[in-house]
C-alpha atoms as a PDB file:
ATOM      1  CA  UNK A   1       0.000   0.000   0.000  1.00  0.00           C
ATOM      2  CA  UNK A   2       1.357   3.396  -0.877  1.00  0.00           C
ATOM      3  CA  UNK A   3       2.162   5.869   1.878  1.00  0.00           C
ATOM      4  CA  UNK A   4      -0.618   8.126   0.600  1.00  0.00           C
ATOM      5  CA  UNK A   5      -3.162   5.261   0.842  1.00  0.00           C
ATOM      6  CA  UNK A   6      -1.946   4.427   4.344  1.00  0.00           C
ATOM      7  CA  UNK A   7      -2.545   8.041   5.450  1.00  0.00           C
ATOM      8  CA  UNK A   8      -6.095   8.019   4.010  1.00  0.00           C
ATOM      9  CA  UNK A   9      -6.801   4.616   5.620  1.00  0.00           C
ATOM     10  CA  UNK A  10      -5.440   5.838   8.956  1.00  0.00           C
ATOM     11  CA  UNK A  11      -7.583   8.990   8.766  1.00  0.00           C
ATOM     12  CA  UNK A  12     -10.688   6.916   7.966  1.00  0.00           C
ATOM     13  CA  UNK A  13     -10.069   4.672  10.987  1.00  0.00           C
ATOM     14  CA  UNK A  14      -9.529   7.666  13.254  1.00  0.00           C
ATOM     15  CA  UNK A  15     -12.714   9.317  11.977  1.00  0.00           C
ATOM     16  CA  UNK A  16     -14.694   6.103  12.404  1.00  0.00           C
ATOM     17  CA  UNK A  17     -13.481   5.648  15.966  1.00  0.00           C
ATOM     18  CA  UNK A  18     -14.437   9.240  16.807  1.00  0.00           C
ATOM     19  CA  UNK A  19     -17.905   8.996  15.261  1.00  0.00           C
ATOM     20  CA  UNK A  20     -20.700   9.148  17.804  1.00  0.00           C
ATOM     21  CA  UNK A  21     -22.178   5.778  18.649  1.00  0.00           C
ATOM     22  CA  UNK A  22     -25.963   5.631  18.646  1.00  0.00           C
ATOM     23  CA  UNK A  23     -27.232   5.466  22.201  1.00  0.00           C
ATOM     24  CA  UNK A  24     -29.192   2.318  22.971  1.00  0.00           C
ATOM     25  CA  UNK A  25     -32.929   2.833  23.340  1.00  0.00           C
ATOM     26  CA  UNK A  26     -33.982   3.854  26.808  1.00  0.00           C
ATOM     27  CA  UNK A  27     -35.407   0.913  28.685  1.00  0.00           C
ATOM     28  CA  UNK A  28     -38.543   1.385  30.788  1.00  0.00           C
ATOM     29  CA  UNK A  29     -40.166  -0.379  33.718  1.00  0.00           C
ATOM     30  CA  UNK A  30     -43.702  -0.911  34.946  1.00  0.00           C
ATOM     31  CA  UNK A  31     -44.687  -2.304  38.312  1.00  0.00           C
ATOM     32  CA  UNK A  32     -48.107  -3.505  39.462  1.00  0.00           C
ATOM     33  CA  UNK A  33     -48.292  -2.892  43.222  1.00  0.00           C
ATOM     34  CA  UNK A  34     -50.873  -5.239  44.770  1.00  0.00           C
ATOM     35  CA  UNK A  35     -49.891  -5.545  48.425  1.00  0.00           C
ATOM     36  CA  UNK A  36     -49.882  -2.907  51.130  1.00  0.00           C
ATOM     37  CA  UNK A  37     -48.179  -4.429  54.150  1.00  0.00           C
ATOM     38  CA  UNK A  38     -44.878  -3.156  55.527  1.00  0.00           C
ATOM     39  CA  UNK A  39     -42.807  -6.019  54.134  1.00  0.00           C
ATOM     40  CA  UNK A  40     -44.493  -5.919  50.710  1.00  0.00           C
ATOM     41  CA  UNK A  41     -44.287  -2.126  50.377  1.00  0.00           C
ATOM     42  CA  UNK A  42     -40.501  -1.973  50.125  1.00  0.00           C
ATOM     43  CA  UNK A  43     -39.747  -3.996  46.952  1.00  0.00           C
ATOM     44  CA  UNK A  44     -41.814  -1.912  44.502  1.00  0.00           C
ATOM     45  CA  UNK A  45     -40.623   1.432  45.880  1.00  0.00           C
ATOM     46  CA  UNK A  46     -36.969   0.393  46.075  1.00  0.00           C
ATOM     47  CA  UNK A  47     -37.032  -1.026  42.545  1.00  0.00           C
ATOM     48  CA  UNK A  48     -38.914   1.982  41.145  1.00  0.00           C
ATOM     49  CA  UNK A  49     -36.655   4.606  42.721  1.00  0.00           C
ATOM     50  CA  UNK A  50     -33.504   2.692  41.799  1.00  0.00           C
ATOM     51  CA  UNK A  51     -34.620   2.296  38.179  1.00  0.00           C
ATOM     52  CA  UNK A  52     -35.578   5.990  38.022  1.00  0.00           C
ATOM     53  CA  UNK A  53     -32.156   6.941  39.421  1.00  0.00           C
ATOM     54  CA  UNK A  54     -30.614   4.845  36.629  1.00  0.00           C
ATOM     55  CA  UNK A  55     -32.542   6.888  34.070  1.00  0.00           C
ATOM     56  CA  UNK A  56     -35.379   4.486  33.295  1.00  0.00           C
ATOM     57  CA  UNK A  57     -38.904   5.821  32.917  1.00  0.00           C
ATOM     58  CA  UNK A  58     -40.957   3.997  35.575  1.00  0.00           C
ATOM     59  CA  UNK A  59     -44.691   3.537  36.044  1.00  0.00           C
ATOM     60  CA  UNK A  60     -46.225   2.141  39.220  1.00  0.00           C
ATOM     61  CA  UNK A  61     -49.852   0.942  39.067  1.00  0.00           C
ATOM     62  CA  UNK A  62     -51.423   0.641  42.536  1.00  0.00           C
ATOM     63  CA  UNK A  63     -54.396  -1.689  42.706  1.00  0.00           C
ATOM     64  CA  UNK A  64     -56.387  -3.559  45.344  1.00  0.00           C
ATOM     65  CA  UNK A  65     -54.388  -3.902  48.576  1.00  0.00           C
ATOM     66  CA  UNK A  66     -51.455  -1.951  47.154  1.00  0.00           C
ATOM     67  CA  UNK A  67     -53.604   1.168  46.763  1.00  0.00           C
ATOM     68  CA  UNK A  68     -53.494   2.132  50.482  1.00  0.00           C
ATOM     69  CA  UNK A  69     -49.732   2.735  50.069  1.00  0.00           C
ATOM     70  CA  UNK A  70     -50.788   6.013  48.460  1.00  0.00           C
ATOM     71  CA  UNK A  71     -52.863   7.175  51.429  1.00  0.00           C
ATOM     72  CA  UNK A  72     -51.660  10.345  53.152  1.00  0.00           C
ATOM     73  CA  UNK A  73     -51.425   8.568  56.500  1.00  0.00           C
ATOM     74  CA  UNK A  74     -49.765   5.164  56.591  1.00  0.00           C
ATOM     75  CA  UNK A  75     -49.956   2.645  59.417  1.00  0.00           C
ATOM     76  CA  UNK A  76     -48.158  -0.272  57.821  1.00  0.00           C
ATOM     77  CA  UNK A  77     -48.049  -3.619  59.571  1.00  0.00           C
ATOM     78  CA  UNK A  78     -45.832  -6.617  58.948  1.00  0.00           C
ATOM     79  CA  UNK A  79     -47.309  -9.855  57.612  1.00  0.00           C
ATOM     80  CA  UNK A  80     -45.617 -12.341  59.901  1.00  0.00           C
ATOM     81  CA  UNK A  81     -48.134 -15.161  59.361  1.00  0.00           C
ATOM     82  CA  UNK A  82     -47.190 -17.587  56.635  1.00  0.00           C
ATOM     83  CA  UNK A  83     -43.727 -16.146  56.141  1.00  0.00           C
ATOM     84  CA  UNK A  84     -41.263 -18.816  57.330  1.00  0.00           C
ATOM     85  CA  UNK A  85     -38.377 -16.973  55.676  1.00  0.00           C
ATOM     86  CA  UNK A  86     -38.779 -14.032  58.060  1.00  0.00           C
ATOM     87  CA  UNK A  87     -36.127 -14.610  60.664  1.00  0.00           C
ATOM     88  CA  UNK A  88     -35.411 -11.529  62.753  1.00  0.00           C
ATOM     89  CA  UNK A  89     -32.023 -10.882  64.351  1.00  0.00           C
ATOM     90  CA  UNK A  90     -32.686 -11.336  68.069  1.00  0.00           C
ATOM     91  CA  UNK A  91     -30.492 -12.233  70.993  1.00  0.00           C
ATOM     92  CA  UNK A  92     -27.470 -12.823  68.762  1.00  0.00           C
ATOM     93  CA  UNK A  93     -29.230 -15.204  66.384  1.00  0.00           C
ATOM     94  CA  UNK A  94     -31.846 -15.180  63.653  1.00  0.00           C
ATOM     95  CA  UNK A  95     -35.134 -16.410  65.034  1.00  0.00           C
ATOM     96  CA  UNK A  96     -38.297 -17.272  63.142  1.00  0.00           C
ATOM     97  CA  UNK A  97     -41.802 -16.837  64.451  1.00  0.00           C
ATOM     98  CA  UNK A  98     -43.939 -19.986  64.481  1.00  0.00           C
ATOM     99  CA  UNK A  99     -47.154 -19.333  62.549  1.00  0.00           C
ATOM    100  CA  UNK A 100     -49.290 -20.410  65.505  1.00  0.00           C
ATOM    101  CA  UNK A 101     -48.004 -17.402  67.466  1.00  0.00           C
ATOM    102  CA  UNK A 102     -49.353 -14.974  64.877  1.00  0.00           C
ATOM    103  CA  UNK A 103     -52.871 -15.929  65.992  1.00  0.00           C
ATOM    104  CA  UNK A 104     -52.242 -14.293  69.369  1.00  0.00           C
ATOM    105  CA  UNK A 105     -53.636 -10.758  69.491  1.00  0.00           C
ATOM    106  CA  UNK A 106     -50.902  -8.124  69.319  1.00  0.00           C
ATOM    107  CA  UNK A 107     -48.196 -10.345  67.820  1.00  0.00           C
ATOM    108  CA  UNK A 108     -48.375  -8.720  64.365  1.00  0.00           C
ATOM    109  CA  UNK A 109     -48.212  -5.269  65.972  1.00  0.00           C
ATOM    110  CA  UNK A 110     -45.192  -6.311  68.064  1.00  0.00           C
ATOM    111  CA  UNK A 111     -43.455  -7.786  65.003  1.00  0.00           C
ATOM    112  CA  UNK A 112     -44.219  -4.606  63.051  1.00  0.00           C
ATOM    113  CA  UNK A 113     -42.746  -2.457  65.809  1.00  0.00           C
ATOM    114  CA  UNK A 114     -39.619  -4.635  65.959  1.00  0.00           C
ATOM    115  CA  UNK A 115     -39.169  -4.415  62.176  1.00  0.00           C
ATOM    116  CA  UNK A 116     -39.681  -0.643  62.116  1.00  0.00           C
ATOM    117  CA  UNK A 117     -37.147  -0.231  64.934  1.00  0.00           C
ATOM    118  CA  UNK A 118     -34.643  -2.461  63.125  1.00  0.00           C
ATOM    119  CA  UNK A 119     -35.089  -0.511  59.888  1.00  0.00           C
ATOM    120  CA  UNK A 120     -34.598   2.794  61.685  1.00  0.00           C
ATOM    121  CA  UNK A 121     -31.511   1.452  63.473  1.00  0.00           C
ATOM    122  CA  UNK A 122     -30.051   0.237  60.156  1.00  0.00           C
ATOM    123  CA  UNK A 123     -30.870   3.497  58.350  1.00  0.00           C
ATOM    124  CA  UNK A 124     -33.440   2.046  55.947  1.00  0.00           C
ATOM    125  CA  UNK A 125     -35.586   4.741  54.349  1.00  0.00           C
ATOM    126  CA  UNK A 126     -39.228   4.808  55.363  1.00  0.00           C
ATOM    127  CA  UNK A 127     -41.986   4.086  52.863  1.00  0.00           C
ATOM    128  CA  UNK A 128     -43.030   7.732  53.209  1.00  0.00           C
ATOM    129  CA  UNK A 129     -39.514   8.795  52.182  1.00  0.00           C
ATOM    130  CA  UNK A 130     -39.448   6.329  49.281  1.00  0.00           C
ATOM    131  CA  UNK A 131     -42.854   7.557  48.054  1.00  0.00           C
ATOM    132  CA  UNK A 132     -41.592  11.129  48.114  1.00  0.00           C
ATOM    133  CA  UNK A 133     -38.409  10.100  46.321  1.00  0.00           C
ATOM    134  CA  UNK A 134     -40.461   8.314  43.648  1.00  0.00           C
ATOM    135  CA  UNK A 135     -42.503  11.461  43.020  1.00  0.00           C
ATOM    136  CA  UNK A 136     -39.374  13.630  42.924  1.00  0.00           C
ATOM    137  CA  UNK A 137     -37.823  11.186  40.428  1.00  0.00           C
ATOM    138  CA  UNK A 138     -40.858  11.596  38.137  1.00  0.00           C
ATOM    139  CA  UNK A 139     -42.054   8.034  38.595  1.00  0.00           C
ATOM    140  CA  UNK A 140     -45.509   7.861  37.033  1.00  0.00           C
ATOM    141  CA  UNK A 141     -47.907   6.765  39.769  1.00  0.00           C
ATOM    142  CA  UNK A 142     -51.322   5.478  38.746  1.00  0.00           C
ATOM    143  CA  UNK A 143     -54.080   4.788  41.278  1.00  0.00           C
ATOM    144  CA  UNK A 144     -56.514   2.178  39.986  1.00  0.00           C
ATOM    145  CA  UNK A 145     -59.874   3.876  39.441  1.00  0.00           C
ATOM    146  CA  UNK A 146     -61.858   0.666  39.967  1.00  0.00           C
ATOM    147  CA  UNK A 147     -60.110   0.006  43.284  1.00  0.00           C
ATOM    148  CA  UNK A 148     -60.638   3.619  44.336  1.00  0.00           C
ATOM    149  CA  UNK A 149     -64.363   3.184  43.678  1.00  0.00           C
ATOM    150  CA  UNK A 150     -64.517  -0.275  45.260  1.00  0.00           C
ATOM    151  CA  UNK A 151     -62.921   0.831  48.543  1.00  0.00           C
ATOM    152  CA  UNK A 152     -64.559   4.282  48.438  1.00  0.00           C
ATOM    153  CA  UNK A 153     -61.356   6.334  48.294  1.00  0.00           C
ATOM    154  CA  UNK A 154     -61.004   9.714  46.639  1.00  0.00           C
ATOM    155  CA  UNK A 155     -57.916  11.546  45.433  1.00  0.00           C
ATOM    156  CA  UNK A 156     -58.301  13.749  48.532  1.00  0.00           C
ATOM    157  CA  UNK A 157     -57.359  10.683  50.615  1.00  0.00           C
ATOM    158  CA  UNK A 158     -54.155  10.196  48.641  1.00  0.00           C
ATOM    159  CA  UNK A 159     -50.760  11.873  48.608  1.00  0.00           C
ATOM    160  CA  UNK A 160     -50.113  14.456  45.899  1.00  0.00           C
ATOM    161  CA  UNK A 161     -48.978  12.993  42.609  1.00  0.00           C
ATOM    162  CA  UNK A 162     -51.039   9.941  41.608  1.00  0.00           C
ATOM    163  CA  UNK A 163     -53.135  10.017  38.476  1.00  0.00           C
ATOM    164  CA  UNK A 164     -56.280   7.936  38.068  1.00  0.00           C
ATOM    165  CA  UNK A 165     -56.339   5.133  35.537  1.00  0.00           C
ATOM    166  CA  UNK A 166     -57.705   1.705  34.937  1.00  0.00           C
ATOM    167  CA  UNK A 167     -56.521  -1.585  33.550  1.00  0.00           C
ATOM    168  CA  UNK A 168     -56.403  -0.182  30.020  1.00  0.00           C
ATOM    169  CA  UNK A 169     -54.134   2.646  31.182  1.00  0.00           C
ATOM    170  CA  UNK A 170     -51.750   0.156  32.749  1.00  0.00           C
ATOM    171  CA  UNK A 171     -51.848  -2.274  29.828  1.00  0.00           C
ATOM    172  CA  UNK A 172     -51.018   0.556  27.435  1.00  0.00           C
ATOM    173  CA  UNK A 173     -47.963   1.310  29.574  1.00  0.00           C
ATOM    174  CA  UNK A 174     -46.994  -2.339  30.103  1.00  0.00           C
ATOM    175  CA  UNK A 175     -47.061  -3.183  26.396  1.00  0.00           C
ATOM    176  CA  UNK A 176     -44.453  -0.473  25.843  1.00  0.00           C
ATOM    177  CA  UNK A 177     -42.274  -1.327  28.864  1.00  0.00           C
ATOM    178  CA  UNK A 178     -39.179  -3.509  28.671  1.00  0.00           C
ATOM    179  CA  UNK A 179     -39.500  -4.671  32.271  1.00  0.00           C
ATOM    180  CA  UNK A 180     -42.869  -5.551  33.835  1.00  0.00           C
ATOM    181  CA  UNK A 181     -43.045  -6.594  37.488  1.00  0.00           C
ATOM    182  CA  UNK A 182     -45.994  -7.862  39.522  1.00  0.00           C
ATOM    183  CA  UNK A 183     -45.416  -7.319  43.237  1.00  0.00           C
END
């Protein structure tokens, strides 16, 4: 190859390596939130706020028992019954709660208090903080209209930010999303 051809070839390679690379399409995420207990409230909010912080557009659709997570005042309780994986750090070990004990009045409240204290001690953000963070991160929050009607809620009962929508609203979003989660 002549020296002139080598220079042209070298310039072409340099230009090609400096050319802008097309950015991959932005991924998006949708989450159906169906449960409103303390232990079930964390996964959707943590995943939504993390994805939003990573630049993904996120939609959360709150329906049935997940809808109360949008209420202005939260009083979340733990669901200790039927959760054999829940072993709390106590007395230097991890101890599970036999399901039979959850039938005793006040046990769920005591477990909820213990979990809330542990989360505070470990610096885990509250659900209220995660909700606020989701709104600040422009997570689209949809309150299921049918569930609102069924449980006789109004938007006045909810935090600022949710929009009303039904199954069709969510399905329209979900068919466009790359990641769809049911929690």
